[in-house]
């Protein structure tokens, strides 16, 4: 095998190494996948075969974990010594998505597998090979992603080392198709406020004390009983409202097109001048817990600021808190359940003096 590497090989290796070492990702979505791609097949110089365009189609399954399996068919039409050579590759690969940090929609992955290559009209046809490499996927939404892939292909029979660089798309069946731009936001319909029973402060009245002492001729002096202190004001939660305010990935900026949703809450607060509101932010359990909590805090604070600065709600009536992945509505075991756990909740309380 020649030690000379083409520029394309070097660039492909740099891209693969960079994606593995520096990129953060969004977690993969479980389901069956189909991945059409186009790319460049760079043959070992010892084959004396012209490099050429390659077309491939992958069918696979992404598990509810970093692991996936994929069967891939690749075709490339090339020339060897002026004679047309058709290459048909069949391979079975395992893919592993790297641990997530969830700052972007990029998912780096490692891949390896085995297969066979049929070089029609060539002496070295039907050779077994192993391959290894990796790539990166960019999630457009839960179902669709752009994908770039780089593989080294080792012919175990003739000791050739080829490489393949491809770009394409990957579609995952059976997902919610939710836009990646609202990755940490709730998309349920605006929930109507639910009345809850207002807690009543327990005030104990002083009961007359029965005198059990024996009768005497002169009554003993009795210390006057102090009057009971007035009961403190009761702040009772009366509404819990899910706000439909999606955020862009890794962003806490509230887009103006969602202001009408916040305006509904502001209108209620104006109608109830004694009411206060706590904006609570939540995420699912994907990504680092510390990052999720900080992001939920920023988003809850952003909505609070809109209430104060845009809708003129007094700032002493508005507060915010981020819980991150704490207090999930349901288990984070499916895409729909995770979607339900990504939410912003406005808890309205009424000060009963």
Protein backbone atom coordinates (compact mmCIF):
# COMPACT_ATOMS: atom_id res chain seq x y z
CA UNK A 1 0.00 0.00 0.00
CA UNK A 2 1.28 3.47 -0.89
CA UNK A 3 2.02 5.84 1.97
CA UNK A 4 0.97 8.86 -0.08
CA UNK A 5 -2.28 10.38 1.16
CA UNK A 6 -4.46 12.60 -0.99
CA UNK A 7 -5.69 15.98 0.22
CA UNK A 8 -9.19 14.58 0.39
CA UNK A 9 -8.07 11.86 2.78
CA UNK A 10 -6.32 14.39 5.02
CA UNK A 11 -9.32 16.72 5.10
CA UNK A 12 -11.67 13.82 5.83
CA UNK A 13 -9.52 12.72 8.76
CA UNK A 14 -9.35 16.25 10.14
CA UNK A 15 -13.13 16.62 9.96
CA UNK A 16 -13.72 13.30 11.70
CA UNK A 17 -11.19 14.03 14.44
CA UNK A 18 -12.54 17.53 15.02
CA UNK A 19 -16.11 16.32 15.36
CA UNK A 20 -15.06 13.69 17.89
CA UNK A 21 -12.96 16.00 20.06
CA UNK A 22 -14.76 19.34 20.10
CA UNK A 23 -18.43 19.14 19.17
CA UNK A 24 -21.37 18.80 21.51
CA UNK A 25 -24.51 17.02 20.48
CA UNK A 26 -28.19 16.38 20.76
CA UNK A 27 -29.19 12.89 21.87
CA UNK A 28 -30.30 10.49 19.10
CA UNK A 29 -33.96 9.64 18.65
CA UNK A 30 -35.04 5.99 18.83
CA UNK A 31 -36.50 4.41 15.69
CA UNK A 32 -35.84 2.89 12.26
CA UNK A 33 -33.60 4.99 10.02
CA UNK A 34 -32.98 5.43 6.30
CA UNK A 35 -29.87 7.30 5.12
CA UNK A 36 -29.26 8.11 1.42
CA UNK A 37 -25.82 9.64 0.76
CA UNK A 38 -23.46 10.74 -1.96
CA UNK A 39 -19.70 10.95 -1.65
CA UNK A 40 -16.23 10.16 -2.91
CA UNK A 41 -14.53 6.75 -3.02
CA UNK A 42 -10.75 7.11 -2.71
CA UNK A 43 -9.08 3.84 -3.74
CA UNK A 44 -5.69 2.69 -2.51
CA UNK A 45 -3.04 3.67 -5.08
CA UNK A 46 -1.96 0.02 -5.34
CA UNK A 47 -5.34 -0.87 -6.86
CA UNK A 48 -4.55 1.37 -9.84
CA UNK A 49 -8.25 2.23 -9.93
CA UNK A 50 -9.54 5.74 -10.55
CA UNK A 51 -11.22 7.50 -7.62
CA UNK A 52 -14.87 8.22 -8.30
CA UNK A 53 -18.26 9.35 -6.99
CA UNK A 54 -20.09 6.90 -4.73
CA UNK A 55 -23.78 6.53 -3.88
CA UNK A 56 -25.02 4.73 -0.80
CA UNK A 57 -28.20 3.85 1.06
CA UNK A 58 -28.28 2.85 4.72
CA UNK A 59 -31.10 1.12 6.60
CA UNK A 60 -30.77 0.87 10.36
CA UNK A 61 -32.21 1.12 13.83
CA UNK A 62 -31.32 3.64 16.54
CA UNK A 63 -31.83 2.17 20.00
CA UNK A 64 -32.94 4.19 23.02
CA UNK A 65 -29.25 4.48 23.90
CA UNK A 66 -26.09 5.72 22.17
CA UNK A 67 -26.01 2.53 20.05
CA UNK A 68 -27.36 1.94 16.54
CA UNK A 69 -26.97 -0.71 13.84
CA UNK A 70 -27.01 -0.06 10.09
CA UNK A 71 -26.89 -2.08 6.88
CA UNK A 72 -25.36 -0.06 4.06
CA UNK A 73 -25.20 -0.58 0.29
CA UNK A 74 -22.70 1.49 -1.72
CA UNK A 75 -22.14 1.71 -5.47
CA UNK A 76 -19.30 3.39 -7.37
CA UNK A 77 -18.45 3.18 -11.09
CA UNK A 78 -14.74 3.60 -11.72
CA UNK A 79 -12.03 2.64 -14.23
CA UNK A 80 -9.01 0.39 -13.98
CA UNK A 81 -6.46 0.49 -16.77
CA UNK A 82 -9.06 2.16 -18.96
CA UNK A 83 -11.64 -0.56 -18.25
CA UNK A 84 -14.89 0.25 -16.46
CA UNK A 85 -15.10 -1.26 -12.99
CA UNK A 86 -18.33 -1.33 -10.99
CA UNK A 87 -17.94 -1.50 -7.21
CA UNK A 88 -20.78 -2.82 -5.05
CA UNK A 89 -20.21 -2.80 -1.31
CA UNK A 90 -22.39 -4.38 1.36
CA UNK A 91 -21.56 -3.74 5.00
CA UNK A 92 -23.05 -4.13 8.46
CA UNK A 93 -21.99 -1.44 10.94
CA UNK A 94 -22.38 -0.54 14.56
CA UNK A 95 -22.60 3.16 15.47
CA UNK A 96 -22.00 4.78 18.85
CA UNK A 97 -23.04 8.38 19.57
CA UNK A 98 -20.58 10.13 21.86
CA UNK A 99 -21.69 11.24 25.37
CA UNK A 100 -23.88 14.31 25.05
CA UNK A 101 -23.41 17.87 26.30
CA UNK A 102 -26.46 19.25 24.49
CA UNK A 103 -25.17 22.68 23.53
CA UNK A 104 -25.95 22.22 19.84
CA UNK A 105 -27.84 19.93 17.46
CA UNK A 106 -24.63 18.17 16.38
CA UNK A 107 -24.13 14.50 17.23
CA UNK A 108 -20.64 13.09 16.65
CA UNK A 109 -20.47 9.29 16.40
CA UNK A 110 -17.98 6.46 15.97
CA UNK A 111 -18.62 3.57 13.57
CA UNK A 112 -17.12 0.20 12.67
CA UNK A 113 -18.24 -2.89 10.79
CA UNK A 114 -17.61 -5.69 8.34
CA UNK A 115 -18.69 -6.35 4.78
CA UNK A 116 -17.88 -7.53 1.29
CA UNK A 117 -17.01 -5.69 -1.91
CA UNK A 118 -17.73 -6.90 -5.43
CA UNK A 119 -15.35 -5.41 -8.01
CA UNK A 120 -17.00 -6.42 -11.28
CA UNK A 121 -14.64 -7.04 -14.25
CA UNK A 122 -11.65 -7.01 -11.90
CA UNK A 123 -9.38 -9.73 -10.62
CA UNK A 124 -9.87 -8.80 -6.95
CA UNK A 125 -13.65 -9.21 -6.85
CA UNK A 126 -15.76 -10.34 -3.85
CA UNK A 127 -13.26 -9.38 -1.19
CA UNK A 128 -14.08 -9.20 2.52
CA UNK A 129 -13.23 -6.02 4.41
CA UNK A 130 -13.47 -4.27 7.74
CA UNK A 131 -14.17 -0.56 8.15
CA UNK A 132 -13.84 2.04 10.90
CA UNK A 133 -14.41 5.75 11.18
CA UNK A 134 -17.03 8.19 12.33
CA UNK A 135 -18.93 11.30 11.48
CA UNK A 136 -21.42 13.85 12.67
CA UNK A 137 -25.18 14.42 12.35
CA UNK A 138 -26.95 17.77 12.49
CA UNK A 139 -30.54 17.48 13.73
CA UNK A 140 -33.06 19.58 11.80
CA UNK A 141 -35.88 18.11 13.91
CA UNK A 142 -36.57 14.86 15.77
CA UNK A 143 -36.95 12.96 12.49
CA UNK A 144 -34.58 14.55 9.98
CA UNK A 145 -30.83 15.13 10.21
CA UNK A 146 -27.98 16.04 7.89
CA UNK A 147 -25.11 13.57 8.08
CA UNK A 148 -21.40 13.52 7.14
CA UNK A 149 -19.38 10.31 7.35
CA UNK A 150 -15.73 9.26 6.88
CA UNK A 151 -14.58 5.61 6.76
CA UNK A 152 -11.33 3.74 6.33
CA UNK A 153 -11.93 0.44 4.50
CA UNK A 154 -9.38 -2.33 4.95
CA UNK A 155 -9.41 -5.13 2.36
CA UNK A 156 -8.41 -8.14 4.49
CA UNK A 157 -7.65 -10.33 1.48
CA UNK A 158 -5.50 -8.08 -0.73
CA UNK A 159 -4.29 -5.72 2.04
CA UNK A 160 -5.58 -2.53 0.39
CA UNK A 161 -6.69 0.50 2.43
CA UNK A 162 -9.38 2.66 0.82
CA UNK A 163 -11.37 5.54 2.30
CA UNK A 164 -14.84 6.88 1.68
CA UNK A 165 -16.24 10.34 2.47
CA UNK A 166 -20.04 10.82 2.16
CA UNK A 167 -22.67 13.43 2.95
CA UNK A 168 -26.42 12.88 3.05
CA UNK A 169 -29.53 12.90 5.18
CA UNK A 170 -30.97 10.56 7.79
CA UNK A 171 -34.68 10.13 8.43
CA UNK A 172 -35.97 8.44 11.58
CA UNK A 173 -39.45 6.88 11.47
CA UNK A 174 -41.94 7.08 14.33
CA UNK A 175 -40.89 10.42 15.87
CA UNK A 176 -42.86 13.51 16.82
CA UNK A 177 -41.15 15.64 14.10
CA UNK A 178 -40.71 18.47 16.60
CA UNK A 179 -38.39 21.22 15.41
CA UNK A 180 -34.97 21.18 16.98
CA UNK A 181 -35.30 24.94 17.40
CA UNK A 182 -37.77 24.35 20.26
CA UNK A 183 -35.82 21.53 21.80
CA UNK A 184 -36.33 22.56 25.41
CA UNK A 185 -39.79 24.11 25.19
CA UNK A 186 -43.31 22.88 25.77
CA UNK A 187 -45.63 22.79 22.76
CA UNK A 188 -48.88 21.78 24.44
CA UNK A 189 -51.95 23.93 23.99
CA UNK A 190 -52.39 26.78 26.45
CA UNK A 191 -53.80 25.15 29.56
CA UNK A 192 -56.80 26.72 31.19
CA UNK A 193 -56.18 27.69 34.81
CA UNK A 194 -57.20 24.96 37.22
CA UNK A 195 -58.80 26.07 40.42
CA UNK A 196 -57.35 24.50 43.54
CA UNK A 197 -58.69 24.49 47.02
CA UNK A 198 -57.33 27.43 48.95
CA UNK A 199 -55.69 26.40 52.22
CA UNK A 200 -57.33 27.94 55.24
CA UNK A 201 -55.16 29.18 58.09
CA UNK A 202 -56.09 27.33 61.25
CA UNK A 203 -57.01 29.79 63.98
CA UNK A 204 -57.51 28.22 67.43
CA UNK A 205 -60.04 29.99 69.62
CA UNK A 206 -59.35 30.06 73.33
CA UNK A 207 -61.64 27.63 75.09
CA UNK A 208 -62.83 28.25 78.65
CA UNK A 209 -60.79 26.32 81.16
CA UNK A 210 -62.77 24.18 83.55
CA UNK A 211 -61.68 24.85 87.14
CA UNK A 212 -60.82 21.49 88.72
CA UNK A 213 -59.47 23.03 91.99
CA UNK A 214 -61.52 22.59 95.19
CA UNK A 215 -63.74 25.46 96.22
CA UNK A 216 -62.16 27.96 98.61
CA UNK A 217 -63.60 30.90 100.39
CA UNK A 218 -61.51 33.42 98.46
CA UNK A 219 -60.93 33.19 94.73
CA UNK A 220 -57.31 32.93 93.68
CA UNK A 221 -56.03 35.68 91.40
CA UNK A 222 -55.99 34.58 87.77
CA UNK A 223 -53.49 35.95 85.27
CA UNK A 224 -55.26 37.49 82.31
CA UNK A 225 -54.94 35.40 79.13
CA UNK A 226 -53.32 37.38 76.30
CA UNK A 227 -55.46 37.96 73.27
CA UNK A 228 -54.65 35.69 70.32
CA UNK A 229 -52.42 37.22 67.68
CA UNK A 230 -54.05 37.92 64.32
CA UNK A 231 -53.60 35.15 61.77
CA UNK A 232 -50.98 35.92 59.11
CA UNK A 233 -52.02 36.53 55.55
CA UNK A 234 -52.40 33.34 53.51
CA UNK A 235 -50.83 33.19 50.05
CA UNK A 236 -52.79 30.51 48.23
CA UNK A 237 -51.86 29.10 44.81
CA UNK A 238 -54.94 29.35 42.61
CA UNK A 239 -53.67 28.75 39.06
CA UNK A 240 -51.03 26.61 37.33
CA UNK A 241 -50.71 27.57 33.66
CA UNK A 242 -48.52 25.95 31.00
CA UNK A 243 -47.07 28.67 28.77
CA UNK A 244 -46.51 27.82 25.09
CA UNK A 245 -43.32 29.80 24.58
CA UNK A 246 -40.75 27.80 22.53
CA UNK A 247 -37.09 28.76 22.68
CA UNK A 248 -34.32 28.24 20.13
CA UNK A 249 -31.77 25.61 21.12
CA UNK A 250 -29.32 26.88 23.74
CA UNK A 251 -31.14 30.23 23.85
CA UNK A 252 -33.16 32.06 26.50
CA UNK A 253 -34.44 34.81 24.19
CA UNK A 254 -38.24 35.17 24.06
CA UNK A 255 -39.33 35.78 20.47
CA UNK A 256 -41.94 38.52 20.03
CA UNK A 257 -44.29 36.24 18.12
CA UNK A 258 -44.96 34.41 21.41
CA UNK A 259 -45.77 37.59 23.36
CA UNK A 260 -49.55 37.03 22.93
CA UNK A 261 -49.19 33.88 25.04
CA UNK A 262 -47.59 35.88 27.86
CA UNK A 263 -50.21 38.60 27.38
CA UNK A 264 -52.90 36.16 28.54
CA UNK A 265 -51.09 35.75 31.84
CA UNK A 266 -50.55 39.50 32.13
CA UNK A 267 -54.27 40.13 31.58
CA UNK A 268 -55.15 37.79 34.42
CA UNK A 269 -52.66 39.49 36.76
CA UNK A 270 -54.12 42.90 35.90
CA UNK A 271 -57.60 41.61 36.71
CA UNK A 272 -56.35 40.24 40.05
CA UNK A 273 -54.22 43.03 41.59
CA UNK A 274 -53.48 40.95 44.71
CA UNK A 275 -52.15 37.99 42.70
CA UNK A 276 -48.47 37.17 42.25
CA UNK A 277 -46.83 34.74 39.85
CA UNK A 278 -43.87 32.36 39.99
CA UNK A 279 -42.48 31.37 36.57
CA UNK A 280 -41.07 27.82 36.74
CA UNK A 281 -38.80 26.37 34.05
CA UNK A 282 -38.32 22.64 33.39
CA UNK A 283 -36.38 20.44 30.94
CA UNK A 284 -36.17 16.72 30.22
CA UNK A 285 -33.23 14.63 31.46
CA UNK A 286 -31.11 14.81 28.32
CA UNK A 287 -27.78 16.50 28.89
CA UNK A 288 -25.91 17.50 32.01
CA UNK A 289 -28.22 18.24 34.96
CA UNK A 290 -26.29 21.40 35.89
CA UNK A 291 -26.59 22.78 32.36
CA UNK A 292 -30.32 21.97 32.21
CA UNK A 293 -30.94 23.78 35.48
CA UNK A 294 -29.10 26.92 34.41
CA UNK A 295 -30.91 26.97 31.07
CA UNK A 296 -34.32 26.56 32.72
CA UNK A 297 -33.49 29.41 35.12
CA UNK A 298 -32.53 31.72 32.25
CA UNK A 299 -35.72 30.95 30.34
CA UNK A 300 -37.97 31.44 33.36
CA UNK A 301 -36.20 34.73 34.09
CA UNK A 302 -36.64 35.85 30.47
CA UNK A 303 -40.41 35.40 30.64
CA UNK A 304 -40.50 37.24 33.97
CA UNK A 305 -38.68 40.16 32.36
CA UNK A 306 -41.23 40.32 29.54
CA UNK A 307 -44.07 40.49 32.07
CA UNK A 308 -42.37 43.39 33.85
CA UNK A 309 -40.88 45.42 30.98
CA UNK A 310 -43.43 44.84 28.22
CA UNK A 311 -46.71 44.30 30.07
CA UNK A 312 -45.94 46.58 33.05
CA UNK A 313 -46.58 44.02 35.77
CA UNK A 314 -44.94 45.21 38.98
CA UNK A 315 -41.66 43.39 39.51
CA UNK A 316 -42.51 42.66 43.13
CA UNK A 317 -45.38 40.48 41.85
CA UNK A 318 -43.20 38.36 39.54
CA UNK A 319 -40.49 35.84 40.43
CA UNK A 320 -38.83 32.94 38.62
CA UNK A 321 -37.05 29.67 39.32
CA UNK A 322 -35.51 26.91 37.20
CA UNK A 323 -35.86 23.26 38.16
CA UNK A 324 -34.11 21.76 35.12
CA UNK A 325 -34.88 18.06 34.88
CA UNK A 326 -36.36 17.89 38.41
CA UNK A 327 -40.07 17.20 38.98
CA UNK A 328 -40.84 15.45 35.65
CA UNK A 329 -44.49 14.98 34.78
CA UNK A 330 -43.69 11.45 33.57
CA UNK A 331 -40.74 9.16 32.95
CA UNK A 332 -38.23 10.37 30.34
CA UNK A 333 -38.45 7.09 28.42
CA UNK A 334 -40.04 8.20 25.13
CA UNK A 335 -39.91 11.24 22.87
CA UNK A 336 -43.49 12.19 23.78
CA UNK A 337 -42.82 11.90 27.51
CA UNK A 338 -39.67 14.02 27.22
CA UNK A 339 -41.64 16.57 25.23
CA UNK A 340 -44.22 16.81 28.04
CA UNK A 341 -41.46 17.34 30.61
CA UNK A 342 -40.01 20.31 28.68
CA UNK A 343 -42.31 23.09 29.88
CA UNK A 344 -42.64 26.55 31.39
CA UNK A 345 -45.27 26.84 34.11
CA UNK A 346 -46.76 30.00 35.62
CA UNK A 347 -47.97 29.41 39.19
CA UNK A 348 -50.31 32.24 40.19
CA UNK A 349 -50.96 32.83 43.89
CA UNK A 350 -53.47 35.12 45.55
CA UNK A 351 -52.68 37.04 48.72
CA UNK A 352 -55.59 36.60 51.11
CA UNK A 353 -55.04 39.16 53.86
